[in-house]
Protein backbone atom coordinates (compact mmCIF):
# COMPACT_ATOMS: atom_id res chain seq x y z
CA UNK A 1 -87.24 2.09 -14.41
CA UNK A 2 -86.32 4.51 -11.61
CA UNK A 3 -83.01 5.30 -13.29
CA UNK A 4 -84.97 6.74 -16.23
CA UNK A 5 -87.14 9.09 -14.13
CA UNK A 6 -86.42 12.66 -13.11
CA UNK A 7 -89.64 13.39 -11.25
CA UNK A 8 -92.48 11.31 -9.85
CA UNK A 9 -95.88 12.75 -9.02
CA UNK A 10 -97.56 10.89 -6.18
CA UNK A 11 -101.33 11.15 -5.83
CA UNK A 12 -102.12 10.83 -2.13
CA UNK A 13 -105.55 10.91 -0.50
CA UNK A 14 -105.54 13.08 2.63
CA UNK A 15 -105.85 10.00 4.83
CA UNK A 16 -103.47 8.74 7.50
CA UNK A 17 -102.74 5.28 6.04
CA UNK A 18 -102.27 6.64 2.51
CA UNK A 19 -99.95 9.37 3.79
CA UNK A 20 -97.86 6.88 5.76
CA UNK A 21 -97.58 4.60 2.72
CA UNK A 22 -96.63 7.54 0.50
CA UNK A 23 -93.95 8.54 3.01
CA UNK A 24 -92.43 5.06 2.84
CA UNK A 25 -92.52 5.07 -0.96
CA UNK A 26 -91.07 8.59 -1.07
CA UNK A 27 -88.06 7.46 0.97
CA UNK A 28 -87.36 4.71 -1.57
CA UNK A 29 -87.80 7.07 -4.52
CA UNK A 30 -85.49 9.70 -3.05
CA UNK A 31 -82.88 7.00 -2.37
CA UNK A 32 -83.01 6.29 -6.13
CA UNK A 33 -82.39 9.98 -6.87
CA UNK A 34 -85.92 10.82 -8.01
CA UNK A 35 -87.50 14.17 -7.11
CA UNK A 36 -91.08 14.12 -5.87
CA UNK A 37 -94.19 16.24 -6.22
CA UNK A 38 -97.59 15.60 -4.64
CA UNK A 39 -101.17 15.81 -5.75
CA UNK A 40 -103.35 15.56 -2.66
CA UNK A 41 -106.98 14.53 -2.78
CA UNK A 42 -109.46 15.49 -0.11
CA UNK A 43 -111.40 16.39 1.86
CA UNK A 44 -109.88 14.37 4.62
CA UNK A 45 -112.25 12.36 6.80
CA UNK A 46 -110.15 13.13 9.89
CA UNK A 47 -109.08 16.63 8.90
CA UNK A 48 -105.60 15.85 7.51
CA UNK A 49 -104.53 18.91 5.51
CA UNK A 50 -102.44 18.86 2.30
CA UNK A 51 -99.63 20.67 4.14
CA UNK A 52 -99.52 17.86 6.72
CA UNK A 53 -99.34 15.26 3.96
CA UNK A 54 -96.45 17.22 2.40
CA UNK A 55 -94.61 17.36 5.73
CA UNK A 56 -94.93 13.61 6.32
CA UNK A 57 -94.01 12.66 2.75
CA UNK A 58 -91.28 15.29 2.49
CA UNK A 59 -92.38 16.63 -0.88
CA UNK A 60 -94.17 19.79 -2.04
CA UNK A 61 -97.84 19.79 -2.96
CA UNK A 62 -98.23 20.62 -6.62
CA UNK A 63 -102.02 20.45 -6.60
CA UNK A 64 -104.54 19.98 -3.79
CA UNK A 65 -107.81 18.81 -5.28
CA UNK A 66 -111.18 17.92 -3.86
CA UNK A 67 -113.08 14.75 -4.72
CA UNK A 68 -114.41 14.39 -8.26
CA UNK A 69 -118.18 13.84 -8.05
CA UNK A 70 -119.31 10.71 -9.90
CA UNK A 71 -115.78 9.42 -10.57
CA UNK A 72 -116.65 5.85 -9.57
CA UNK A 73 -119.65 5.86 -11.91
CA UNK A 74 -117.54 7.13 -14.85
CA UNK A 75 -114.85 4.52 -14.29
CA UNK A 76 -117.40 1.71 -14.03
CA UNK A 77 -118.86 2.74 -17.40
CA UNK A 78 -115.39 2.93 -18.95
CA UNK A 79 -115.66 6.66 -19.55
CA UNK A 80 -112.54 8.80 -19.21
CA UNK A 81 -112.64 11.01 -16.09
CA UNK A 82 -111.76 14.68 -15.96
CA UNK A 83 -113.19 15.80 -19.27
CA UNK A 84 -114.50 19.31 -19.33
CA UNK A 85 -114.74 20.91 -15.91
CA UNK A 86 -114.37 19.73 -12.36
CA UNK A 87 -111.66 19.17 -9.77
CA UNK A 88 -109.89 16.43 -11.71
CA UNK A 89 -109.74 18.44 -14.95
CA UNK A 90 -108.45 21.49 -13.06
CA UNK A 91 -105.81 19.42 -11.27
CA UNK A 92 -104.65 17.87 -14.54
CA UNK A 93 -104.34 21.27 -16.20
CA UNK A 94 -102.34 22.64 -13.26
CA UNK A 95 -100.11 19.59 -13.38
CA UNK A 96 -99.50 20.01 -17.11
CA UNK A 97 -98.80 23.75 -16.70
CA UNK A 98 -96.18 23.00 -14.06
CA UNK A 99 -94.49 20.04 -15.70
CA UNK A 100 -94.76 21.27 -19.30
CA UNK A 101 -94.67 25.07 -19.17
CA UNK A 102 -93.89 25.24 -22.89
CA UNK A 103 -97.38 23.95 -23.67
CA UNK A 104 -98.84 27.31 -22.56
CA UNK A 105 -96.94 29.07 -25.35
CA UNK A 106 -98.49 26.78 -27.98
């Protein structure tokens, strides 16, 4: 599968364990020739900033988003998250604008 990918977007909570795990995964992805982008999710309980996550993982932050209120409740009800407004919808739009710039012209 990795041979078919150009870019991988990692979603990483701004937490120490998640950042360390993402750094390990990023090393393996880079070894396979895949470029990386990050979406960070905060706020961090211990104050870990998106820039610190990027430094540890070794990839640029594409989007730094805050928590989506009520996400757990939506997922439990089987409702799609990120519809309308909110941090998740904004992050998804920014991600699409970056990865598919031609969609803005449509």
